[in-house]
Every structure is written in structure tokens, then in C-alpha cells.
Amino acid sequence: MSGSSPHPGMSDTAAMMHYDANKRSVLVGYILWFFLGWFAVHRFYAGRTMSGLVMLAVSLVSWALTAVAIGYLGLGLIGLWLLLDLFLIPGMIRSYNREIIASLGR
């Protein structure tokens, strides 16, 4: 296995170490979802920055608007989104890890 490295000057061992240092865990994704899901931390962890920012913004605005009752609509939307993410987290993590592998092949 030596000598066939995706990056010039990077050994297979170094590439594997780079992957291991940067890969994401589904278990950690679920832990973040459970404790910090309202703030989209699990989406940031999975590399979904744009949707994480949207989810965070909707969540913060909704919390602020609960004083006038309209915020509960946004919180309901975030709750539904969190329920969907319960099933999407493994795929998001798998996609992130595949991107790391693909970047090693460039």
C-alpha cells in the first residue's frame, strides 16, 4: 500500500490520519441534536452551514417572538425540522465523511 498516495508527498498513513482526525461521528451528531438541536449545532457539525444558519435564525427569531404568540409557529416549524433531522443525521454525517475522502483524492 505504500507509494500510492492521493496527494504528492502524503503517504497512505498520513491520509488515513488526516481522515481519522477530521471525520464526524453519528453518535456525536445525535448527542448534539438532542442537547443543542434548537440552535442547529448538529447541522454545523455535519457541515451543513447554510441550513444551520437558517435554522438558527428561525429559532432565535421565534424565541424572541413568543411574547406576541406568533413565535410559537416558528418553534413548531423548528420542531418539525428537528424531527426530520432525527432521520437525516446518518446521511448528513456519511456525506461529510465522503467529502473528506474525496478531498484526499484531489
N, C-alpha and C. Protein backbone atom coordinates (compact mmCIF):
# COMPACT_ATOMS: atom_id res chain seq x y z
N MET A 1 0.80 -1.20 0.00
CA MET A 1 0.00 0.00 0.00
C MET A 1 0.84 1.26 0.00
N SER A 2 2.10 1.16 0.12
CA SER A 2 2.93 2.34 0.16
C SER A 2 3.18 2.87 -1.24
N GLY A 3 3.34 4.18 -1.33
CA GLY A 3 3.67 4.79 -2.59
C GLY A 3 2.50 5.30 -3.40
N SER A 4 1.29 4.80 -3.19
CA SER A 4 0.14 5.24 -3.99
C SER A 4 -0.70 6.22 -3.17
N SER A 5 -0.22 7.42 -3.04
CA SER A 5 -0.89 8.43 -2.22
C SER A 5 -1.71 9.38 -3.08
N PRO A 6 -2.86 9.83 -2.59
CA PRO A 6 -3.67 10.77 -3.36
C PRO A 6 -3.01 12.14 -3.48
N HIS A 7 -2.28 12.57 -2.47
CA HIS A 7 -1.57 13.85 -2.51
C HIS A 7 -0.10 13.58 -2.70
N PRO A 8 0.56 14.32 -3.58
CA PRO A 8 2.00 14.14 -3.73
C PRO A 8 2.69 14.44 -2.40
N GLY A 9 3.52 13.55 -1.98
CA GLY A 9 4.25 13.74 -0.73
C GLY A 9 3.50 13.27 0.51
N MET A 10 2.24 12.86 0.37
CA MET A 10 1.47 12.39 1.52
C MET A 10 1.34 10.87 1.43
N SER A 11 1.78 10.20 2.46
CA SER A 11 1.70 8.74 2.46
C SER A 11 0.28 8.29 2.75
N ASP A 12 0.03 7.01 2.50
CA ASP A 12 -1.30 6.46 2.80
C ASP A 12 -1.60 6.59 4.29
N THR A 13 -0.58 6.40 5.10
CA THR A 13 -0.76 6.52 6.55
C THR A 13 -1.15 7.94 6.92
N ALA A 14 -0.49 8.91 6.32
CA ALA A 14 -0.81 10.31 6.61
C ALA A 14 -2.22 10.64 6.16
N ALA A 15 -2.65 10.11 5.00
CA ALA A 15 -4.01 10.34 4.51
C ALA A 15 -5.03 9.73 5.47
N MET A 16 -4.75 8.54 5.96
CA MET A 16 -5.66 7.89 6.92
C MET A 16 -5.72 8.68 8.22
N MET A 17 -4.59 9.20 8.66
CA MET A 17 -4.55 10.00 9.89
C MET A 17 -5.34 11.30 9.69
N HIS A 18 -5.22 11.90 8.51
CA HIS A 18 -5.98 13.12 8.20
C HIS A 18 -7.49 12.82 8.24
N TYR A 19 -7.90 11.71 7.64
CA TYR A 19 -9.31 11.33 7.66
C TYR A 19 -9.79 11.08 9.08
N ASP A 20 -9.02 10.31 9.84
CA ASP A 20 -9.43 9.99 11.22
C ASP A 20 -9.54 11.24 12.08
N ALA A 21 -8.67 12.21 11.84
CA ALA A 21 -8.70 13.44 12.64
C ALA A 21 -9.88 14.33 12.30
N ASN A 22 -10.41 14.21 11.07
CA ASN A 22 -11.46 15.12 10.62
C ASN A 22 -12.83 14.49 10.44
N LYS A 23 -12.94 13.18 10.52
CA LYS A 23 -14.24 12.54 10.29
C LYS A 23 -15.21 12.88 11.41
N ARG A 24 -16.47 12.74 11.12
CA ARG A 24 -17.54 13.03 12.08
C ARG A 24 -18.20 11.73 12.51
N SER A 25 -18.80 11.76 13.70
CA SER A 25 -19.44 10.59 14.28
C SER A 25 -20.95 10.79 14.32
N VAL A 26 -21.69 9.76 13.95
CA VAL A 26 -23.15 9.82 14.01
C VAL A 26 -23.61 9.96 15.46
N LEU A 27 -22.95 9.26 16.38
CA LEU A 27 -23.31 9.35 17.79
C LEU A 27 -23.17 10.78 18.31
N VAL A 28 -22.07 11.43 17.99
CA VAL A 28 -21.89 12.83 18.41
C VAL A 28 -22.95 13.71 17.75
N GLY A 29 -23.28 13.44 16.49
CA GLY A 29 -24.34 14.19 15.82
C GLY A 29 -25.67 14.09 16.56
N TYR A 30 -26.01 12.88 17.01
CA TYR A 30 -27.26 12.70 17.76
C TYR A 30 -27.20 13.36 19.14
N ILE A 31 -26.06 13.32 19.77
CA ILE A 31 -25.93 13.98 21.08
C ILE A 31 -26.11 15.49 20.92
N LEU A 32 -25.49 16.06 19.89
CA LEU A 32 -25.66 17.50 19.62
C LEU A 32 -27.10 17.82 19.26
N TRP A 33 -27.73 16.94 18.48
CA TRP A 33 -29.13 17.13 18.11
C TRP A 33 -30.00 17.15 19.36
N PHE A 34 -29.76 16.22 20.28
CA PHE A 34 -30.59 16.10 21.47
C PHE A 34 -30.45 17.31 22.40
N PHE A 35 -29.21 17.73 22.64
CA PHE A 35 -28.98 18.79 23.62
C PHE A 35 -29.00 20.20 23.01
N LEU A 36 -28.57 20.36 21.77
CA LEU A 36 -28.44 21.69 21.19
C LEU A 36 -29.14 21.81 19.83
N GLY A 37 -30.10 20.94 19.58
CA GLY A 37 -30.78 20.93 18.30
C GLY A 37 -31.49 22.23 17.97
N TRP A 38 -32.05 22.91 18.97
CA TRP A 38 -32.77 24.15 18.72
C TRP A 38 -31.84 25.23 18.15
N PHE A 39 -30.54 25.05 18.34
CA PHE A 39 -29.57 26.01 17.83
C PHE A 39 -28.80 25.47 16.63
N ALA A 40 -29.26 24.35 16.06
CA ALA A 40 -28.73 23.76 14.83
C ALA A 40 -27.28 23.33 14.92
N VAL A 41 -26.79 23.08 16.10
CA VAL A 41 -25.38 22.71 16.27
C VAL A 41 -25.08 21.41 15.53
N HIS A 42 -26.02 20.49 15.48
CA HIS A 42 -25.80 19.22 14.78
C HIS A 42 -25.61 19.45 13.28
N ARG A 43 -26.28 20.45 12.72
CA ARG A 43 -26.12 20.75 11.29
C ARG A 43 -24.75 21.37 11.01
N PHE A 44 -24.30 22.25 11.89
CA PHE A 44 -22.96 22.81 11.73
C PHE A 44 -21.91 21.71 11.83
N TYR A 45 -22.10 20.80 12.76
CA TYR A 45 -21.18 19.67 12.95
C TYR A 45 -21.11 18.80 11.69
N ALA A 46 -22.24 18.63 11.02
CA ALA A 46 -22.30 17.79 9.82
C ALA A 46 -21.91 18.55 8.55
N GLY A 47 -21.45 19.79 8.70
CA GLY A 47 -21.01 20.55 7.54
C GLY A 47 -22.13 21.22 6.77
N ARG A 48 -23.31 21.28 7.31
CA ARG A 48 -24.47 21.92 6.65
C ARG A 48 -24.62 23.34 7.18
N THR A 49 -23.67 24.20 6.83
CA THR A 49 -23.59 25.54 7.39
C THR A 49 -24.77 26.42 7.01
N MET A 50 -25.14 26.44 5.74
CA MET A 50 -26.23 27.33 5.32
C MET A 50 -27.57 26.95 5.96
N SER A 51 -27.91 25.68 5.93
CA SER A 51 -29.17 25.29 6.56
C SER A 51 -29.09 25.45 8.08
N GLY A 52 -27.91 25.30 8.63
CA GLY A 52 -27.72 25.54 10.06
C GLY A 52 -27.96 26.99 10.42
N LEU A 53 -27.46 27.91 9.58
CA LEU A 53 -27.68 29.33 9.83
C LEU A 53 -29.17 29.69 9.71
N VAL A 54 -29.84 29.11 8.72
CA VAL A 54 -31.28 29.37 8.56
C VAL A 54 -32.04 28.84 9.78
N MET A 55 -31.72 27.63 10.19
CA MET A 55 -32.40 27.03 11.33
C MET A 55 -32.14 27.84 12.60
N LEU A 56 -30.91 28.28 12.79
CA LEU A 56 -30.57 29.09 13.96
C LEU A 56 -31.32 30.42 13.94
N ALA A 57 -31.36 31.07 12.78
CA ALA A 57 -32.06 32.36 12.68
C ALA A 57 -33.55 32.20 12.97
N VAL A 58 -34.18 31.20 12.37
CA VAL A 58 -35.61 30.97 12.61
C VAL A 58 -35.86 30.68 14.09
N SER A 59 -34.99 29.89 14.67
CA SER A 59 -35.14 29.54 16.08
C SER A 59 -35.02 30.78 16.98
N LEU A 60 -33.99 31.59 16.74
CA LEU A 60 -33.79 32.78 17.59
C LEU A 60 -34.92 33.80 17.42
N VAL A 61 -35.34 34.02 16.19
CA VAL A 61 -36.45 34.96 15.95
C VAL A 61 -37.74 34.42 16.58
N SER A 62 -37.95 33.13 16.46
CA SER A 62 -39.17 32.53 17.03
C SER A 62 -39.17 32.64 18.54
N TRP A 63 -38.03 32.38 19.17
CA TRP A 63 -37.97 32.53 20.63
C TRP A 63 -38.26 33.96 21.03
N ALA A 64 -37.73 34.93 20.27
CA ALA A 64 -37.96 36.34 20.58
C ALA A 64 -39.43 36.72 20.40
N LEU A 65 -40.10 36.10 19.42
CA LEU A 65 -41.49 36.46 19.12
C LEU A 65 -42.53 35.68 19.93
N THR A 66 -42.08 34.83 20.83
CA THR A 66 -43.07 34.10 21.65
C THR A 66 -43.85 35.04 22.56
N ALA A 67 -43.30 36.21 22.83
CA ALA A 67 -44.01 37.19 23.67
C ALA A 67 -45.30 37.66 23.00
N VAL A 68 -45.33 37.65 21.67
CA VAL A 68 -46.54 38.05 20.95
C VAL A 68 -47.23 36.84 20.32
N ALA A 69 -46.89 35.68 20.76
CA ALA A 69 -47.51 34.40 20.39
C ALA A 69 -47.21 33.92 18.98
N ILE A 70 -46.78 34.77 18.07
CA ILE A 70 -46.50 34.33 16.70
C ILE A 70 -45.25 33.46 16.65
N GLY A 71 -44.39 33.60 17.63
CA GLY A 71 -43.16 32.83 17.67
C GLY A 71 -43.38 31.34 17.80
N TYR A 72 -44.52 30.96 18.35
CA TYR A 72 -44.80 29.53 18.51
C TYR A 72 -44.96 28.82 17.17
N LEU A 73 -45.37 29.55 16.15
CA LEU A 73 -45.45 28.98 14.81
C LEU A 73 -44.06 28.59 14.31
N GLY A 74 -43.11 29.50 14.49
CA GLY A 74 -41.73 29.21 14.11
C GLY A 74 -41.13 28.09 14.92
N LEU A 75 -41.43 28.04 16.21
CA LEU A 75 -40.91 26.96 17.05
C LEU A 75 -41.51 25.62 16.62
N GLY A 76 -42.76 25.63 16.19
CA GLY A 76 -43.37 24.41 15.66
C GLY A 76 -42.66 23.94 14.41
N LEU A 77 -42.31 24.90 13.55
CA LEU A 77 -41.57 24.58 12.33
C LEU A 77 -40.20 23.99 12.67
N ILE A 78 -39.52 24.59 13.63
CA ILE A 78 -38.21 24.07 14.04
C ILE A 78 -38.37 22.68 14.66
N GLY A 79 -39.43 22.47 15.42
CA GLY A 79 -39.68 21.14 15.99
C GLY A 79 -39.87 20.09 14.91
N LEU A 80 -40.60 20.43 13.87
CA LEU A 80 -40.77 19.51 12.73
C LEU A 80 -39.43 19.24 12.04
N TRP A 81 -38.65 20.30 11.86
CA TRP A 81 -37.33 20.19 11.23
C TRP A 81 -36.44 19.28 12.07
N LEU A 82 -36.50 19.43 13.39
CA LEU A 82 -35.70 18.57 14.27
C LEU A 82 -36.15 17.11 14.15
N LEU A 83 -37.44 16.89 14.04
CA LEU A 83 -37.94 15.53 13.88
C LEU A 83 -37.42 14.91 12.58
N LEU A 84 -37.41 15.68 11.51
CA LEU A 84 -36.86 15.18 10.24
C LEU A 84 -35.36 14.92 10.36
N ASP A 85 -34.66 15.81 11.04
CA ASP A 85 -33.21 15.63 11.21
C ASP A 85 -32.89 14.36 11.98
N LEU A 86 -33.80 13.92 12.81
CA LEU A 86 -33.60 12.66 13.53
C LEU A 86 -33.28 11.53 12.56
N PHE A 87 -33.91 11.55 11.40
CA PHE A 87 -33.70 10.52 10.40
C PHE A 87 -32.61 10.89 9.39
N LEU A 88 -32.30 12.18 9.26
CA LEU A 88 -31.34 12.63 8.26
C LEU A 88 -29.89 12.67 8.75
N ILE A 89 -29.68 12.66 10.05
CA ILE A 89 -28.33 12.80 10.60
C ILE A 89 -27.36 11.75 10.06
N PRO A 90 -27.70 10.47 10.02
CA PRO A 90 -26.71 9.50 9.49
C PRO A 90 -26.27 9.82 8.06
N GLY A 91 -27.19 10.22 7.21
CA GLY A 91 -26.85 10.56 5.84
C GLY A 91 -26.00 11.82 5.76
N MET A 92 -26.30 12.81 6.59
CA MET A 92 -25.51 14.04 6.60
C MET A 92 -24.07 13.75 7.02
N ILE A 93 -23.90 12.92 8.04
CA ILE A 93 -22.56 12.58 8.53
C ILE A 93 -21.82 11.76 7.48
N ARG A 94 -22.51 10.80 6.88
CA ARG A 94 -21.89 9.98 5.84
C ARG A 94 -21.43 10.85 4.66
N SER A 95 -22.24 11.81 4.28
CA SER A 95 -21.90 12.72 3.19
C SER A 95 -20.67 13.57 3.55
N TYR A 96 -20.64 14.07 4.77
CA TYR A 96 -19.49 14.87 5.22
C TYR A 96 -18.21 14.03 5.17
N ASN A 97 -18.29 12.80 5.67
CA ASN A 97 -17.11 11.94 5.68
C ASN A 97 -16.67 11.58 4.26
N ARG A 98 -17.62 11.40 3.35
CA ARG A 98 -17.26 11.13 1.94
C ARG A 98 -16.57 12.33 1.31
N GLU A 99 -16.98 13.53 1.69
CA GLU A 99 -16.32 14.74 1.17
C GLU A 99 -14.86 14.79 1.62
N ILE A 100 -14.60 14.36 2.84
CA ILE A 100 -13.22 14.31 3.32
C ILE A 100 -12.42 13.34 2.47
N ILE A 101 -12.99 12.17 2.23
CA ILE A 101 -12.30 11.16 1.40
C ILE A 101 -12.05 11.70 0.00
N ALA A 102 -13.06 12.38 -0.56
CA ALA A 102 -12.89 12.92 -1.92
C ALA A 102 -11.81 14.01 -1.94
N SER A 103 -11.72 14.79 -0.89
CA SER A 103 -10.69 15.84 -0.86
C SER A 103 -9.29 15.24 -0.78
N LEU A 104 -9.18 14.05 -0.22
CA LEU A 104 -7.87 13.38 -0.18
C LEU A 104 -7.47 12.86 -1.54
N GLY A 105 -8.47 12.63 -2.40
CA GLY A 105 -8.20 12.11 -3.73
C GLY A 105 -7.85 13.18 -4.75
N ARG A 106 -7.92 14.43 -4.34
CA ARG A 106 -7.63 15.53 -5.28
C ARG A 106 -6.17 15.84 -5.31
